[in-house]
Amino acid sequence: MDKELSFENFQNRLNEQPSFTSSQVGVLMESCVTCCNFQKKNSGSLLKCFDDKRNLYKVPYTIVWNSEFTDRLKKSYKDEKKATENAAVFLSLSLMLELTDYKYFEVTEGNNGIDYWLSNESDDLDFSARLEISGIRQEKQSNNINTRLNTKINQTKRSDSSSLPAYVAIIEFSKLEAIILER
């Protein structure tokens, strides 16, 4: 049996984050709706989430949203790379809220090999983990999940001096798959 992941529910949860504005969260969600629609994935599609050994996490998720995919959205998110990156952030943070005890995310600064600091508390001085996110609109031989995963794992090593666990999340939109790895 699958579990429902409501984009609007996660939009509300991310809006409660002290380090996101509602406008930022709106862009992330719209990017996700756009990427899914461009890959012929509609509300009600199945998202499979795997660990690094390709074992399915818990149960598959049915992703649902109420936003309409309009010509305006198509025109607004023409930059495929940026839209895919934002969409991957939205789905990855949603899955982290779902799969882990981390409830707060803060964007990192600098070239430290990760995108977000994670915490169980809203206090931004008490980080508990790191997160690197990557999105692939449509996997190709030269740009596939396994290659991207290895690249991102190595990239997180730049912040190993923090001694915090590092997560890597890769979202592939044409297959609607996610890999979440803890290292």
Protein backbone atom coordinates (compact mmCIF):
# COMPACT_ATOMS: atom_id res chain seq x y z
CA MET A 1 0.00 0.00 0.00
CA ASP A 2 1.34 3.43 -0.88
CA LYS A 3 1.32 6.61 1.19
CA GLU A 4 0.18 10.01 -0.01
CA LEU A 5 2.61 12.92 -0.28
CA SER A 6 0.57 16.10 -0.65
CA PHE A 7 2.51 18.97 -2.21
CA GLU A 8 0.22 21.48 -0.51
CA ASN A 9 0.81 19.82 2.88
CA PHE A 10 4.57 20.02 2.41
CA GLN A 11 4.28 23.57 1.12
CA ASN A 12 2.60 24.48 4.42
CA ARG A 13 5.24 22.62 6.45
CA LEU A 14 8.08 24.32 4.60
CA ASN A 15 6.37 27.69 5.05
CA GLU A 16 6.71 27.13 8.80
CA GLN A 17 10.49 26.92 8.44
CA PRO A 18 12.31 29.94 9.88
CA SER A 19 14.72 30.03 6.92
CA PHE A 20 12.24 30.00 4.00
CA THR A 21 9.83 32.62 2.75
CA SER A 22 6.44 31.64 1.39
CA SER A 23 7.51 32.98 -2.02
CA GLN A 24 10.56 30.69 -2.06
CA VAL A 25 8.46 27.69 -1.12
CA GLY A 26 5.92 28.59 -3.80
CA VAL A 27 8.65 28.62 -6.46
CA LEU A 28 9.97 25.25 -5.26
CA MET A 29 6.51 23.69 -5.43
CA GLU A 30 5.64 25.23 -8.81
CA SER A 31 8.96 23.96 -10.17
CA CYS A 32 8.08 20.47 -8.95
CA VAL A 33 4.62 20.54 -10.54
CA THR A 34 6.20 21.77 -13.78
CA CYS A 35 8.95 19.11 -13.85
CA CYS A 36 6.46 16.35 -13.13
CA ASN A 37 4.09 17.54 -15.84
CA PHE A 38 6.85 17.92 -18.43
CA GLN A 39 7.70 14.26 -17.73
CA LYS A 40 4.04 13.21 -18.06
CA LYS A 41 3.72 12.59 -14.31
CA ASN A 42 0.38 13.81 -13.03
CA SER A 43 -1.03 14.27 -9.59
CA GLY A 44 -1.60 10.73 -8.35
CA SER A 45 1.66 9.38 -9.83
CA LEU A 46 3.78 6.96 -7.84
CA LEU A 47 7.12 8.13 -6.41
CA LYS A 48 9.51 5.34 -5.51
CA CYS A 49 12.07 6.21 -2.86
CA PHE A 50 15.17 4.02 -2.50
CA ASP A 51 18.22 3.80 -0.31
CA ASP A 52 21.65 3.57 -1.93
CA LYS A 53 21.33 -0.21 -2.35
CA ARG A 54 18.11 0.29 -4.31
CA ASN A 55 16.00 -1.04 -1.45
CA LEU A 56 12.61 0.60 -1.33
CA TYR A 57 12.13 2.85 1.71
CA LYS A 58 9.06 1.83 3.67
CA VAL A 59 6.33 2.18 1.02
CA PRO A 60 6.01 3.96 -2.32
CA TYR A 61 4.41 7.39 -2.22
CA THR A 62 1.60 8.76 -4.30
CA ILE A 63 2.34 12.41 -4.98
CA VAL A 64 -0.67 14.69 -5.19
CA TRP A 65 -1.19 18.37 -5.83
CA ASN A 66 -4.09 20.66 -6.64
CA SER A 67 -2.18 23.21 -8.73
CA GLU A 68 -3.18 23.42 -12.34
CA PHE A 69 -0.44 23.09 -14.95
CA THR A 70 -0.99 26.17 -17.09
CA ASP A 71 0.73 27.80 -20.04
CA ARG A 72 1.86 30.47 -17.60
CA LEU A 73 3.70 27.84 -15.51
CA LYS A 74 5.28 26.39 -18.67
CA LYS A 75 6.57 29.83 -19.66
CA SER A 76 7.68 30.73 -16.13
CA TYR A 77 9.82 27.61 -15.71
CA LYS A 78 11.45 27.29 -19.13
CA ASP A 79 14.94 27.14 -17.62
CA GLU A 80 15.07 23.35 -17.32
CA LYS A 81 18.19 23.23 -15.15
CA LYS A 82 16.92 25.75 -12.60
CA ALA A 83 13.40 24.28 -12.53
CA THR A 84 14.76 20.75 -12.06
CA GLU A 85 17.08 21.89 -9.26
CA ASN A 86 14.21 23.67 -7.45
CA ALA A 87 11.87 20.73 -7.97
CA ALA A 88 14.46 18.34 -6.53
CA VAL A 89 14.83 20.61 -3.49
CA PHE A 90 11.07 20.56 -2.92
CA LEU A 91 10.75 16.78 -3.17
CA SER A 92 13.96 16.11 -1.21
CA LEU A 93 13.00 18.35 1.69
CA SER A 94 9.51 16.82 1.67
CA LEU A 95 10.99 13.33 1.84
CA MET A 96 13.40 14.34 4.60
CA LEU A 97 10.44 15.59 6.63
CA GLU A 98 8.71 12.28 5.95
CA LEU A 99 11.60 9.84 6.43
CA THR A 100 13.73 11.40 9.16
CA ASP A 101 13.43 13.24 12.45
CA TYR A 102 14.94 16.40 10.93
CA LYS A 103 12.35 19.14 10.87
CA TYR A 104 14.35 22.29 10.09
CA PHE A 105 16.52 23.15 7.11
CA GLU A 106 18.89 26.04 6.55
CA VAL A 107 20.65 26.85 3.29
CA THR A 108 24.42 26.64 3.57
CA GLU A 109 26.78 29.31 2.39
CA GLY A 110 30.10 28.92 0.70
CA ASN A 111 31.59 26.04 -1.22
CA ASN A 112 31.26 23.33 1.43
CA GLY A 113 29.80 20.55 -0.75
CA ILE A 114 26.29 20.57 0.72
CA ASP A 115 23.09 22.50 0.16
CA TYR A 116 21.41 22.43 3.60
CA TRP A 117 22.09 22.06 7.28
CA LEU A 118 19.49 19.93 9.06
CA SER A 119 18.26 20.20 12.62
CA ASN A 120 15.64 18.75 14.95
CA GLU A 121 15.27 22.17 16.54
CA SER A 122 14.57 25.56 15.01
CA ASP A 123 17.73 26.95 16.63
CA ASP A 124 20.08 27.50 13.71
CA LEU A 125 23.14 27.08 15.92
CA ASP A 126 22.46 23.42 16.63
CA PHE A 127 22.79 21.56 13.34
CA SER A 128 22.48 17.79 13.40
CA ALA A 129 23.20 16.74 9.80
CA ARG A 130 24.03 17.86 6.27
CA LEU A 131 22.12 17.46 3.01
CA GLU A 132 23.19 17.61 -0.64
CA ILE A 133 20.42 17.57 -3.27
CA SER A 134 20.50 16.94 -6.99
CA GLY A 135 17.83 16.60 -9.66
CA ILE A 136 17.80 14.90 -13.04
CA ARG A 137 14.96 15.75 -15.42
CA GLN A 138 15.54 12.68 -17.58
CA GLU A 139 18.31 10.18 -17.00
CA LYS A 140 20.78 9.66 -19.84
CA GLN A 141 23.79 7.38 -20.14
CA SER A 142 26.13 10.30 -19.43
CA ASN A 143 23.91 11.72 -16.67
CA ASN A 144 22.46 8.92 -14.60
CA ILE A 145 21.45 8.41 -10.99
CA ASN A 146 24.44 6.24 -10.03
CA THR A 147 27.01 8.61 -11.50
CA ARG A 148 25.32 11.60 -9.90
CA LEU A 149 25.09 9.81 -6.56
CA ASN A 150 28.82 9.04 -6.54
CA THR A 151 29.66 12.62 -7.50
CA LYS A 152 27.47 14.05 -4.75
CA ILE A 153 28.79 11.62 -2.11
CA ASN A 154 32.33 12.79 -2.88
CA GLN A 155 31.19 16.40 -2.88
CA THR A 156 29.84 16.12 0.69
CA LYS A 157 33.30 15.17 1.92
CA ARG A 158 34.26 18.85 1.73
CA SER A 159 32.25 19.43 4.92
CA ASP A 160 33.32 16.26 6.77
CA SER A 161 35.14 18.42 9.32
CA SER A 162 31.68 19.10 10.81
CA SER A 163 31.55 15.42 11.91
CA LEU A 164 27.83 15.44 11.15
CA PRO A 165 26.08 12.73 9.13
CA ALA A 166 25.64 13.63 5.47
CA TYR A 167 22.59 12.81 3.38
CA VAL A 168 22.51 12.82 -0.39
CA ALA A 169 19.17 13.03 -2.19
CA ILE A 170 18.89 12.45 -5.93
CA ILE A 171 15.52 12.92 -7.65
CA GLU A 172 14.96 11.59 -11.19
CA PHE A 173 11.76 12.97 -12.70
CA SER A 174 11.16 10.85 -15.82
CA LYS A 175 11.02 7.66 -13.73
CA LEU A 176 9.83 9.55 -10.65
CA GLU A 177 12.43 7.99 -8.39
CA ALA A 178 14.31 9.27 -5.38
CA ILE A 179 17.44 7.94 -3.76
CA ILE A 180 18.17 9.05 -0.21
CA LEU A 181 21.53 7.97 1.17
CA GLU A 182 23.03 8.61 4.58
CA ARG A 183 26.81 8.53 4.84
